[in-house]
Amino acid sequence: TSLKEAVAKRLAFFVEMGCRVTDIGVPFFPNRLADEQEAADTFQKAL
């Protein structure tokens, strides 16, 4: 939850600074969607 809040705040700042485009270049491409709980558990493991 706080991760998403932080990302949203940073994006708002970028837009304020004129941002018009975004980039994703990770070599691993998703083929499924985790639900909120699973994604939260995975993020805790990463931390």
ModelCIF file with pLDDT and N, C-alpha, C, O atoms, coordinates in Angstrom:
data_MODEL
#
_entry.id   MODEL 
#
_entity.id                         1 
_entity.type                       polymer 
_entity.pdbx_number_of_molecules   1 
#
_entity_poly.entity_id                      1 
_entity_poly.type                           'polypeptide(L)' 
_entity_poly.nstd_linkage                   no 
_entity_poly.nstd_monomer                   no 
_entity_poly.pdbx_seq_one_letter_code       TSLKEAVAKRLAFFVEMGCRVTDIGVPFFPNRLADEQEAADTFQKAL 
_entity_poly.pdbx_seq_one_letter_code_can   TSLKEAVAKRLAFFVEMGCRVTDIGVPFFPNRLADEQEAADTFQKAL 
_entity_poly.pdbx_strand_id                 A 
#
loop_
_entity_poly_seq.entity_id 
_entity_poly_seq.num 
_entity_poly_seq.mon_id 
_entity_poly_seq.hetero 
1 1  THR n 
1 2  SER n 
1 3  LEU n 
1 4  LYS n 
1 5  GLU n 
1 6  ALA n 
1 7  VAL n 
1 8  ALA n 
1 9  LYS n 
1 10 ARG n 
1 11 LEU n 
1 12 ALA n 
1 13 PHE n 
1 14 PHE n 
1 15 VAL n 
1 16 GLU n 
1 17 MET n 
1 18 GLY n 
1 19 CYS n 
1 20 ARG n 
1 21 VAL n 
1 22 THR n 
1 23 ASP n 
1 24 ILE n 
1 25 GLY n 
1 26 VAL n 
1 27 PRO n 
1 28 PHE n 
1 29 PHE n 
1 30 PRO n 
1 31 ASN n 
1 32 ARG n 
1 33 LEU n 
1 34 ALA n 
1 35 ASP n 
1 36 GLU n 
1 37 GLN n 
1 38 GLU n 
1 39 ALA n 
1 40 ALA n 
1 41 ASP n 
1 42 THR n 
1 43 PHE n 
1 44 GLN n 
1 45 LYS n 
1 46 ALA n 
1 47 LEU n 
#
_struct_asym.id          A 
_struct_asym.entity_id   1 
#
loop_
_ma_qa_metric.id 
_ma_qa_metric.mode 
_ma_qa_metric.name 
_ma_qa_metric.software_group_id 
_ma_qa_metric.type 
1 global pLDDT . pLDDT 
2 local  pLDDT . pLDDT 
#
_ma_qa_metric_global.metric_id      1 
_ma_qa_metric_global.metric_value   96.55 
_ma_qa_metric_global.model_id       1 
_ma_qa_metric_global.ordinal_id     1 
#
loop_
_ma_qa_metric_local.label_asym_id 
_ma_qa_metric_local.label_comp_id 
_ma_qa_metric_local.label_seq_id 
_ma_qa_metric_local.metric_id 
_ma_qa_metric_local.metric_value 
_ma_qa_metric_local.model_id 
_ma_qa_metric_local.ordinal_id 
A THR 1  2 98.00 1 1  
A SER 2  2 98.00 1 2  
A LEU 3  2 98.00 1 3  
A LYS 4  2 98.00 1 4  
A GLU 5  2 98.00 1 5  
A ALA 6  2 98.00 1 6  
A VAL 7  2 98.00 1 7  
A ALA 8  2 98.00 1 8  
A LYS 9  2 98.00 1 9  
A ARG 10 2 98.00 1 10 
A LEU 11 2 98.00 1 11 
A ALA 12 2 98.00 1 12 
A PHE 13 2 98.00 1 13 
A PHE 14 2 98.00 1 14 
A VAL 15 2 98.00 1 15 
A GLU 16 2 98.00 1 16 
A MET 17 2 98.00 1 17 
A GLY 18 2 97.00 1 18 
A CYS 19 2 98.00 1 19 
A ARG 20 2 98.00 1 20 
A VAL 21 2 98.00 1 21 
A THR 22 2 98.00 1 22 
A ASP 23 2 97.00 1 23 
A ILE 24 2 95.00 1 24 
A GLY 25 2 92.00 1 25 
A VAL 26 2 88.00 1 26 
A PRO 27 2 85.00 1 27 
A PHE 28 2 85.00 1 28 
A PHE 29 2 89.00 1 29 
A PRO 30 2 94.00 1 30 
A ASN 31 2 94.00 1 31 
A ARG 32 2 96.00 1 32 
A LEU 33 2 97.00 1 33 
A ALA 34 2 98.00 1 34 
A ASP 35 2 98.00 1 35 
A GLU 36 2 98.00 1 36 
A GLN 37 2 98.00 1 37 
A GLU 38 2 98.00 1 38 
A ALA 39 2 98.00 1 39 
A ALA 40 2 98.00 1 40 
A ASP 41 2 98.00 1 41 
A THR 42 2 98.00 1 42 
A PHE 43 2 98.00 1 43 
A GLN 44 2 98.00 1 44 
A LYS 45 2 98.00 1 45 
A ALA 46 2 98.00 1 46 
A LEU 47 2 97.00 1 47 
#
loop_
_atom_site.group_PDB 
_atom_site.id 
_atom_site.type_symbol 
_atom_site.label_atom_id 
_atom_site.label_alt_id 
_atom_site.label_comp_id 
_atom_site.label_asym_id 
_atom_site.label_entity_id 
_atom_site.label_seq_id 
_atom_site.pdbx_PDB_ins_code 
_atom_site.Cartn_x 
_atom_site.Cartn_y 
_atom_site.Cartn_z 
_atom_site.occupancy 
_atom_site.B_iso_or_equiv 
_atom_site.pdbx_formal_charge 
_atom_site.auth_seq_id 
_atom_site.auth_comp_id 
_atom_site.auth_asym_id 
_atom_site.auth_atom_id 
_atom_site.pdbx_PDB_model_num 
ATOM 1   N N  . THR A 1 1  ? 0.827  -1.212  0.000   1.00 98.00 ? 1  THR A N  1 
ATOM 2   C CA . THR A 1 1  ? 0.000  0.000   0.000   1.00 98.00 ? 1  THR A CA 1 
ATOM 3   C C  . THR A 1 1  ? 0.856  1.255   0.000   1.00 98.00 ? 1  THR A C  1 
ATOM 4   O O  . THR A 1 1  ? 0.624  2.174   -0.785  1.00 98.00 ? 1  THR A O  1 
ATOM 5   N N  . SER A 1 2  ? 1.846  1.290   0.883   1.00 98.00 ? 2  SER A N  1 
ATOM 6   C CA . SER A 1 2  ? 2.716  2.466   0.929   1.00 98.00 ? 2  SER A CA 1 
ATOM 7   C C  . SER A 1 2  ? 3.625  2.548   -0.294  1.00 98.00 ? 2  SER A C  1 
ATOM 8   O O  . SER A 1 2  ? 4.014  3.644   -0.697  1.00 98.00 ? 2  SER A O  1 
ATOM 9   N N  . LEU A 1 3  ? 3.970  1.402   -0.892  1.00 98.00 ? 3  LEU A N  1 
ATOM 10  C CA . LEU A 1 3  ? 4.739  1.411   -2.136  1.00 98.00 ? 3  LEU A CA 1 
ATOM 11  C C  . LEU A 1 3  ? 3.952  2.121   -3.227  1.00 98.00 ? 3  LEU A C  1 
ATOM 12  O O  . LEU A 1 3  ? 4.481  2.996   -3.912  1.00 98.00 ? 3  LEU A O  1 
ATOM 13  N N  . LYS A 1 4  ? 2.695  1.745   -3.387  1.00 98.00 ? 4  LYS A N  1 
ATOM 14  C CA . LYS A 1 4  ? 1.871  2.360   -4.428  1.00 98.00 ? 4  LYS A CA 1 
ATOM 15  C C  . LYS A 1 4  ? 1.671  3.854   -4.155  1.00 98.00 ? 4  LYS A C  1 
ATOM 16  O O  . LYS A 1 4  ? 1.658  4.662   -5.083  1.00 98.00 ? 4  LYS A O  1 
ATOM 17  N N  . GLU A 1 5  ? 1.520  4.207   -2.906  1.00 98.00 ? 5  GLU A N  1 
ATOM 18  C CA . GLU A 1 5  ? 1.364  5.616   -2.565  1.00 98.00 ? 5  GLU A CA 1 
ATOM 19  C C  . GLU A 1 5  ? 2.609  6.404   -2.943  1.00 98.00 ? 5  GLU A C  1 
ATOM 20  O O  . GLU A 1 5  ? 2.522  7.518   -3.458  1.00 98.00 ? 5  GLU A O  1 
ATOM 21  N N  . ALA A 1 6  ? 3.772  5.810   -2.679  1.00 98.00 ? 6  ALA A N  1 
ATOM 22  C CA . ALA A 1 6  ? 5.028  6.496   -2.998  1.00 98.00 ? 6  ALA A CA 1 
ATOM 23  C C  . ALA A 1 6  ? 5.202  6.634   -4.508  1.00 98.00 ? 6  ALA A C  1 
ATOM 24  O O  . ALA A 1 6  ? 5.618  7.688   -4.991  1.00 98.00 ? 6  ALA A O  1 
ATOM 25  N N  . VAL A 1 7  ? 4.889  5.586   -5.245  1.00 98.00 ? 7  VAL A N  1 
ATOM 26  C CA . VAL A 1 7  ? 5.019  5.626   -6.704  1.00 98.00 ? 7  VAL A CA 1 
ATOM 27  C C  . VAL A 1 7  ? 4.078  6.673   -7.292  1.00 98.00 ? 7  VAL A C  1 
ATOM 28  O O  . VAL A 1 7  ? 4.468  7.438   -8.174  1.00 98.00 ? 7  VAL A O  1 
ATOM 29  N N  . ALA A 1 8  ? 2.853  6.707   -6.809  1.00 98.00 ? 8  ALA A N  1 
ATOM 30  C CA . ALA A 1 8  ? 1.883  7.684   -7.306  1.00 98.00 ? 8  ALA A CA 1 
ATOM 31  C C  . ALA A 1 8  ? 2.350  9.108   -7.027  1.00 98.00 ? 8  ALA A C  1 
ATOM 32  O O  . ALA A 1 8  ? 2.164  10.002  -7.853  1.00 98.00 ? 8  ALA A O  1 
ATOM 33  N N  . LYS A 1 9  ? 2.950  9.311   -5.875  1.00 98.00 ? 9  LYS A N  1 
ATOM 34  C CA . LYS A 1 9  ? 3.437  10.652  -5.528  1.00 98.00 ? 9  LYS A CA 1 
ATOM 35  C C  . LYS A 1 9  ? 4.598  11.051  -6.432  1.00 98.00 ? 9  LYS A C  1 
ATOM 36  O O  . LYS A 1 9  ? 4.684  12.196  -6.874  1.00 98.00 ? 9  LYS A O  1 
ATOM 37  N N  . ARG A 1 10 ? 5.487  10.105  -6.702  1.00 98.00 ? 10 ARG A N  1 
ATOM 38  C CA . ARG A 1 10 ? 6.616  10.411  -7.586  1.00 98.00 ? 10 ARG A CA 1 
ATOM 39  C C  . ARG A 1 10 ? 6.136  10.712  -9.003  1.00 98.00 ? 10 ARG A C  1 
ATOM 40  O O  . ARG A 1 10 ? 6.657  11.617  -9.656  1.00 98.00 ? 10 ARG A O  1 
ATOM 41  N N  . LEU A 1 11 ? 5.154  9.964   -9.478  1.00 98.00 ? 11 LEU A N  1 
ATOM 42  C CA . LEU A 1 11 ? 4.650  10.208  -10.829 1.00 98.00 ? 11 LEU A CA 1 
ATOM 43  C C  . LEU A 1 11 ? 4.011  11.593  -10.922 1.00 98.00 ? 11 LEU A C  1 
ATOM 44  O O  . LEU A 1 11 ? 4.197  12.297  -11.914 1.00 98.00 ? 11 LEU A O  1 
ATOM 45  N N  . ALA A 1 12 ? 3.268  11.980  -9.906  1.00 98.00 ? 12 ALA A N  1 
ATOM 46  C CA . ALA A 1 12 ? 2.659  13.310  -9.911  1.00 98.00 ? 12 ALA A CA 1 
ATOM 47  C C  . ALA A 1 12 ? 3.738  14.389  -10.007 1.00 98.00 ? 12 ALA A C  1 
ATOM 48  O O  . ALA A 1 12 ? 3.548  15.401  -10.682 1.00 98.00 ? 12 ALA A O  1 
ATOM 49  N N  . PHE A 1 13 ? 4.870  14.173  -9.332  1.00 98.00 ? 13 PHE A N  1 
ATOM 50  C CA . PHE A 1 13 ? 5.979  15.117  -9.401  1.00 98.00 ? 13 PHE A CA 1 
ATOM 51  C C  . PHE A 1 13 ? 6.580  15.147  -10.805 1.00 98.00 ? 13 PHE A C  1 
ATOM 52  O O  . PHE A 1 13 ? 6.867  16.220  -11.335 1.00 98.00 ? 13 PHE A O  1 
ATOM 53  N N  . PHE A 1 14 ? 6.770  13.976  -11.407 1.00 98.00 ? 14 PHE A N  1 
ATOM 54  C CA . PHE A 1 14 ? 7.312  13.913  -12.761 1.00 98.00 ? 14 PHE A CA 1 
ATOM 55  C C  . PHE A 1 14 ? 6.393  14.647  -13.743 1.00 98.00 ? 14 PHE A C  1 
ATOM 56  O O  . PHE A 1 14 ? 6.865  15.391  -14.604 1.00 98.00 ? 14 PHE A O  1 
ATOM 57  N N  . VAL A 1 15 ? 5.082  14.435  -13.611 1.00 98.00 ? 15 VAL A N  1 
ATOM 58  C CA . VAL A 1 15 ? 4.129  15.101  -14.494 1.00 98.00 ? 15 VAL A CA 1 
ATOM 59  C C  . VAL A 1 15 ? 4.206  16.618  -14.307 1.00 98.00 ? 15 VAL A C  1 
ATOM 60  O O  . VAL A 1 15 ? 4.152  17.378  -15.274 1.00 98.00 ? 15 VAL A O  1 
ATOM 61  N N  . GLU A 1 16 ? 4.330  17.037  -13.073 1.00 98.00 ? 16 GLU A N  1 
ATOM 62  C CA . GLU A 1 16 ? 4.485  18.467  -12.784 1.00 98.00 ? 16 GLU A CA 1 
ATOM 63  C C  . GLU A 1 16 ? 5.717  19.039  -13.486 1.00 98.00 ? 16 GLU A C  1 
ATOM 64  O O  . GLU A 1 16 ? 5.738  20.208  -13.873 1.00 98.00 ? 16 GLU A O  1 
ATOM 65  N N  . MET A 1 17 ? 6.753  18.189  -13.645 1.00 98.00 ? 17 MET A N  1 
ATOM 66  C CA . MET A 1 17 ? 7.995  18.614  -14.293 1.00 98.00 ? 17 MET A CA 1 
ATOM 67  C C  . MET A 1 17 ? 7.965  18.414  -15.811 1.00 98.00 ? 17 MET A C  1 
ATOM 68  O O  . MET A 1 17 ? 8.985  18.582  -16.479 1.00 98.00 ? 17 MET A O  1 
ATOM 69  N N  . GLY A 1 18 ? 6.807  18.060  -16.349 1.00 97.00 ? 18 GLY A N  1 
ATOM 70  C CA . GLY A 1 18 ? 6.643  17.994  -17.793 1.00 97.00 ? 18 GLY A CA 1 
ATOM 71  C C  . GLY A 1 18 ? 6.641  16.604  -18.399 1.00 97.00 ? 18 GLY A C  1 
ATOM 72  O O  . GLY A 1 18 ? 6.594  16.472  -19.622 1.00 97.00 ? 18 GLY A O  1 
ATOM 73  N N  . CYS A 1 19 ? 6.689  15.562  -17.577 1.00 98.00 ? 19 CYS A N  1 
ATOM 74  C CA . CYS A 1 19 ? 6.744  14.193  -18.082 1.00 98.00 ? 19 CYS A CA 1 
ATOM 75  C C  . CYS A 1 19 ? 5.538  13.887  -18.974 1.00 98.00 ? 19 CYS A C  1 
ATOM 76  O O  . CYS A 1 19 ? 4.394  14.172  -18.620 1.00 98.00 ? 19 CYS A O  1 
ATOM 77  N N  . ARG A 1 20 ? 5.829  13.290  -20.156 1.00 98.00 ? 20 ARG A N  1 
ATOM 78  C CA . ARG A 1 20 ? 4.774  12.869  -21.062 1.00 98.00 ? 20 ARG A CA 1 
ATOM 79  C C  . ARG A 1 20 ? 4.858  11.395  -21.416 1.00 98.00 ? 20 ARG A C  1 
ATOM 80  O O  . ARG A 1 20 ? 3.884  10.808  -21.887 1.00 98.00 ? 20 ARG A O  1 
ATOM 81  N N  . VAL A 1 21 ? 6.030  10.790  -21.190 1.00 98.00 ? 21 VAL A N  1 
ATOM 82  C CA . VAL A 1 21 ? 6.216  9.392   -21.572 1.00 98.00 ? 21 VAL A CA 1 
ATOM 83  C C  . VAL A 1 21 ? 6.812  8.605   -20.410 1.00 98.00 ? 21 VAL A C  1 
ATOM 84  O O  . VAL A 1 21 ? 7.484  9.160   -19.541 1.00 98.00 ? 21 VAL A O  1 
ATOM 85  N N  . THR A 1 22 ? 6.553  7.305   -20.417 1.00 98.00 ? 22 THR A N  1 
ATOM 86  C CA . THR A 1 22 ? 7.069  6.412   -19.389 1.00 98.00 ? 22 THR A CA 1 
ATOM 87  C C  . THR A 1 22 ? 7.773  5.242   -20.063 1.00 98.00 ? 22 THR A C  1 
ATOM 88  O O  . THR A 1 22 ? 7.551  4.974   -21.244 1.00 98.00 ? 22 THR A O  1 
ATOM 89  N N  . ASP A 1 23 ? 8.627  4.542   -19.307 1.00 97.00 ? 23 ASP A N  1 
ATOM 90  C CA . ASP A 1 23 ? 9.422  3.448   -19.862 1.00 97.00 ? 23 ASP A CA 1 
ATOM 91  C C  . ASP A 1 23 ? 9.398  2.241   -18.936 1.00 97.00 ? 23 ASP A C  1 
ATOM 92  O O  . ASP A 1 23 ? 9.479  2.374   -17.715 1.00 97.00 ? 23 ASP A O  1 
ATOM 93  N N  . ILE A 1 24 ? 9.288  1.072   -19.531 1.00 95.00 ? 24 ILE A N  1 
ATOM 94  C CA . ILE A 1 24 ? 9.501  -0.188  -18.826 1.00 95.00 ? 24 ILE A CA 1 
ATOM 95  C C  . ILE A 1 24 ? 10.411 -1.032  -19.703 1.00 95.00 ? 24 ILE A C  1 
ATOM 96  O O  . ILE A 1 24 ? 10.099 -1.279  -20.867 1.00 95.00 ? 24 ILE A O  1 
ATOM 97  N N  . GLY A 1 25 ? 11.526 -1.473  -19.156 1.00 92.00 ? 25 GLY A N  1 
ATOM 98  C CA . GLY A 1 25 ? 12.476 -2.256  -19.935 1.00 92.00 ? 25 GLY A CA 1 
ATOM 99  C C  . GLY A 1 25 ? 12.980 -3.481  -19.218 1.00 92.00 ? 25 GLY A C  1 
ATOM 100 O O  . GLY A 1 25 ? 14.098 -3.925  -19.479 1.00 92.00 ? 25 GLY A O  1 
ATOM 101 N N  . VAL A 1 26 ? 12.182 -4.051  -18.309 1.00 88.00 ? 26 VAL A N  1 
ATOM 102 C CA . VAL A 1 26 ? 12.635 -5.231  -17.577 1.00 88.00 ? 26 VAL A CA 1 
ATOM 103 C C  . VAL A 1 26 ? 12.652 -6.430  -18.521 1.00 88.00 ? 26 VAL A C  1 
ATOM 104 O O  . VAL A 1 26 ? 11.774 -6.549  -19.376 1.00 88.00 ? 26 VAL A O  1 
ATOM 105 N N  . PRO A 1 27 ? 13.633 -7.318  -18.383 1.00 85.00 ? 27 PRO A N  1 
ATOM 106 C CA . PRO A 1 27 ? 13.737 -8.445  -19.319 1.00 85.00 ? 27 PRO A CA 1 
ATOM 107 C C  . PRO A 1 27 ? 12.739 -9.563  -19.060 1.00 85.00 ? 27 PRO A C  1 
ATOM 108 O O  . PRO A 1 27 ? 12.614 -10.482 -19.870 1.00 85.00 ? 27 PRO A O  1 
ATOM 109 N N  . PHE A 1 28 ? 12.024 -9.496  -17.935 1.00 85.00 ? 28 PHE A N  1 
ATOM 110 C CA . PHE A 1 28 ? 11.080 -10.566 -17.588 1.00 85.00 ? 28 PHE A CA 1 
ATOM 111 C C  . PHE A 1 28 ? 9.666  -10.051 -17.818 1.00 85.00 ? 28 PHE A C  1 
ATOM 112 O O  . PHE A 1 28 ? 9.276  -9.032  -17.248 1.00 85.00 ? 28 PHE A O  1 
ATOM 113 N N  . PHE A 1 29 ? 8.891  -10.750 -18.652 1.00 89.00 ? 29 PHE A N  1 
ATOM 114 C CA . PHE A 1 29 ? 7.576  -10.239 -19.017 1.00 89.00 ? 29 PHE A CA 1 
ATOM 115 C C  . PHE A 1 29 ? 6.481  -11.029 -18.304 1.00 89.00 ? 29 PHE A C  1 
ATOM 116 O O  . PHE A 1 29 ? 6.515  -12.259 -18.291 1.00 89.00 ? 29 PHE A O  1 
ATOM 117 N N  . PRO A 1 30 ? 5.509  -10.330 -17.711 1.00 94.00 ? 30 PRO A N  1 
ATOM 118 C CA . PRO A 1 30 ? 4.475  -11.027 -16.927 1.00 94.00 ? 30 PRO A CA 1 
ATOM 119 C C  . PRO A 1 30 ? 3.502  -11.813 -17.794 1.00 94.00 ? 30 PRO A C  1 
ATOM 120 O O  . PRO A 1 30 ? 3.177  -11.416 -18.913 1.00 94.00 ? 30 PRO A O  1 
ATOM 121 N N  . ASN A 1 31 ? 3.043  -12.946 -17.249 1.00 94.00 ? 31 ASN A N  1 
ATOM 122 C CA . ASN A 1 31 ? 2.022  -13.737 -17.942 1.00 94.00 ? 31 ASN A CA 1 
ATOM 123 C C  . ASN A 1 31 ? 0.859  -14.075 -17.011 1.00 94.00 ? 31 ASN A C  1 
ATOM 124 O O  . ASN A 1 31 ? 0.034  -14.936 -17.319 1.00 94.00 ? 31 ASN A O  1 
ATOM 125 N N  . ARG A 1 32 ? 0.803  -13.385 -15.862 1.00 96.00 ? 32 ARG A N  1 
ATOM 126 C CA . ARG A 1 32 ? -0.316 -13.589 -14.949 1.00 96.00 ? 32 ARG A CA 1 
ATOM 127 C C  . ARG A 1 32 ? -0.417 -12.375 -14.033 1.00 96.00 ? 32 ARG A C  1 
ATOM 128 O O  . ARG A 1 32 ? 0.522  -11.585 -13.929 1.00 96.00 ? 32 ARG A O  1 
ATOM 129 N N  . LEU A 1 33 ? -1.559 -12.232 -13.374 1.00 97.00 ? 33 LEU A N  1 
ATOM 130 C CA . LEU A 1 33 ? -1.786 -11.145 -12.430 1.00 97.00 ? 33 LEU A CA 1 
ATOM 131 C C  . LEU A 1 33 ? -1.945 -11.710 -11.027 1.00 97.00 ? 33 LEU A C  1 
ATOM 132 O O  . LEU A 1 33 ? -2.831 -12.528 -10.779 1.00 97.00 ? 33 LEU A O  1 
ATOM 133 N N  . ALA A 1 34 ? -1.104 -11.283 -10.129 1.00 98.00 ? 34 ALA A N  1 
ATOM 134 C CA . ALA A 1 34 ? -1.318 -11.627 -8.724  1.00 98.00 ? 34 ALA A CA 1 
ATOM 135 C C  . ALA A 1 34 ? -2.414 -10.736 -8.151  1.00 98.00 ? 34 ALA A C  1 
ATOM 136 O O  . ALA A 1 34 ? -2.543 -9.576  -8.543  1.00 98.00 ? 34 ALA A O  1 
ATOM 137 N N  . ASP A 1 35 ? -3.202 -11.273 -7.224  1.00 98.00 ? 35 ASP A N  1 
ATOM 138 C CA . ASP A 1 35 ? -4.172 -10.413 -6.562  1.00 98.00 ? 35 ASP A CA 1 
ATOM 139 C C  . ASP A 1 35 ? -3.456 -9.566  -5.508  1.00 98.00 ? 35 ASP A C  1 
ATOM 140 O O  . ASP A 1 35 ? -2.245 -9.682  -5.323  1.00 98.00 ? 35 ASP A O  1 
ATOM 141 N N  . GLU A 1 36 ? -4.207 -8.728  -4.833  1.00 98.00 ? 36 GLU A N  1 
ATOM 142 C CA . GLU A 1 36 ? -3.608 -7.773  -3.890  1.00 98.00 ? 36 GLU A CA 1 
ATOM 143 C C  . GLU A 1 36 ? -2.824 -8.475  -2.795  1.00 98.00 ? 36 GLU A C  1 
ATOM 144 O O  . GLU A 1 36 ? -1.718 -8.051  -2.460  1.00 98.00 ? 36 GLU A O  1 
ATOM 145 N N  . GLN A 1 37 ? -3.377 -9.538  -2.234  1.00 98.00 ? 37 GLN A N  1 
ATOM 146 C CA . GLN A 1 37 ? -2.715 -10.216 -1.126  1.00 98.00 ? 37 GLN A CA 1 
ATOM 147 C C  . GLN A 1 37 ? -1.434 -10.904 -1.581  1.00 98.00 ? 37 GLN A C  1 
ATOM 148 O O  . GLN A 1 37 ? -0.400 -10.801 -0.922  1.00 98.00 ? 37 GLN A O  1 
ATOM 149 N N  . GLU A 1 38 ? -1.505 -11.602 -2.707  1.00 98.00 ? 38 GLU A N  1 
ATOM 150 C CA . GLU A 1 38 ? -0.312 -12.285 -3.198  1.00 98.00 ? 38 GLU A CA 1 
ATOM 151 C C  . GLU A 1 38 ? 0.790  -11.290 -3.538  1.00 98.00 ? 38 GLU A C  1 
ATOM 152 O O  . GLU A 1 38 ? 1.955  -11.513 -3.211  1.00 98.00 ? 38 GLU A O  1 
ATOM 153 N N  . ALA A 1 39 ? 0.419  -10.185 -4.199  1.00 98.00 ? 39 ALA A N  1 
ATOM 154 C CA . ALA A 1 39 ? 1.408  -9.163  -4.540  1.00 98.00 ? 39 ALA A CA 1 
ATOM 155 C C  . ALA A 1 39 ? 2.018  -8.553  -3.286  1.00 98.00 ? 39 ALA A C  1 
ATOM 156 O O  . ALA A 1 39 ? 3.215  -8.268  -3.245  1.00 98.00 ? 39 ALA A O  1 
ATOM 157 N N  . ALA A 1 40 ? 1.186  -8.355  -2.256  1.00 98.00 ? 40 ALA A N  1 
ATOM 158 C CA . ALA A 1 40 ? 1.684  -7.804  -0.990  1.00 98.00 ? 40 ALA A CA 1 
ATOM 159 C C  . ALA A 1 40 ? 2.663  -8.770  -0.325  1.00 98.00 ? 40 ALA A C  1 
ATOM 160 O O  . ALA A 1 40 ? 3.688  -8.344  0.207   1.00 98.00 ? 40 ALA A O  1 
ATOM 161 N N  . ASP A 1 41 ? 2.356  -10.052 -0.352  1.00 98.00 ? 41 ASP A N  1 
ATOM 162 C CA . ASP A 1 41 ? 3.256  -11.060 0.233   1.00 98.00 ? 41 ASP A CA 1 
ATOM 163 C C  . ASP A 1 41 ? 4.589  -11.111 -0.529  1.00 98.00 ? 41 ASP A C  1 
ATOM 164 O O  . ASP A 1 41 ? 5.655  -11.209 0.079   1.00 98.00 ? 41 ASP A O  1 
ATOM 165 N N  . THR A 1 42 ? 4.518  -11.046 -1.847  1.00 98.00 ? 42 THR A N  1 
ATOM 166 C CA . THR A 1 42 ? 5.740  -11.076 -2.660  1.00 98.00 ? 42 THR A CA 1 
ATOM 167 C C  . THR A 1 42 ? 6.598  -9.854  -2.377  1.00 98.00 ? 42 THR A C  1 
ATOM 168 O O  . THR A 1 42 ? 7.822  -9.956  -2.282  1.00 98.00 ? 42 THR A O  1 
ATOM 169 N N  . PHE A 1 43 ? 5.962  -8.706  -2.244  1.00 98.00 ? 43 PHE A N  1 
ATOM 170 C CA . PHE A 1 43 ? 6.726  -7.486  -1.953  1.00 98.00 ? 43 PHE A CA 1 
ATOM 171 C C  . PHE A 1 43 ? 7.410  -7.571  -0.592  1.00 98.00 ? 43 PHE A C  1 
ATOM 172 O O  . PHE A 1 43 ? 8.539  -7.107  -0.435  1.00 98.00 ? 43 PHE A O  1 
ATOM 173 N N  . GLN A 1 44 ? 6.731  -8.163  0.396   1.00 98.00 ? 44 GLN A N  1 
ATOM 174 C CA . GLN A 1 44 ? 7.359  -8.320  1.710   1.00 98.00 ? 44 GLN A CA 1 
ATOM 175 C C  . GLN A 1 44 ? 8.597  -9.207  1.623   1.00 98.00 ? 44 GLN A C  1 
ATOM 176 O O  . GLN A 1 44 ? 9.599  -8.943  2.287   1.00 98.00 ? 44 GLN A O  1 
ATOM 177 N N  . LYS A 1 45 ? 8.531  -10.250 0.813   1.00 98.00 ? 45 LYS A N  1 
ATOM 178 C CA . LYS A 1 45 ? 9.701  -11.105 0.617   1.00 98.00 ? 45 LYS A CA 1 
ATOM 179 C C  . LYS A 1 45 ? 10.841 -10.317 -0.012  1.00 98.00 ? 45 LYS A C  1 
ATOM 180 O O  . LYS A 1 45 ? 12.002 -10.487 0.359   1.00 98.00 ? 45 LYS A O  1 
ATOM 181 N N  . ALA A 1 46 ? 10.506 -9.466  -0.955  1.00 98.00 ? 46 ALA A N  1 
ATOM 182 C CA . ALA A 1 46 ? 11.537 -8.650  -1.603  1.00 98.00 ? 46 ALA A CA 1 
ATOM 183 C C  . ALA A 1 46 ? 12.192 -7.709  -0.610  1.00 98.00 ? 46 ALA A C  1 
ATOM 184 O O  . ALA A 1 46 ? 13.410 -7.532  -0.634  1.00 98.00 ? 46 ALA A O  1 
ATOM 185 N N  . LEU A 1 47 ? 11.406 -7.109  0.257   1.00 97.00 ? 47 LEU A N  1 
ATOM 186 C CA . LEU A 1 47 ? 11.953 -6.194  1.258   1.00 97.00 ? 47 LEU A CA 1 
ATOM 187 C C  . LEU A 1 47 ? 12.904 -6.892  2.221   1.00 97.00 ? 47 LEU A C  1 
ATOM 188 O O  . LEU A 1 47 ? 13.447 -6.255  3.123   1.00 97.00 ? 47 LEU A O  1 
#
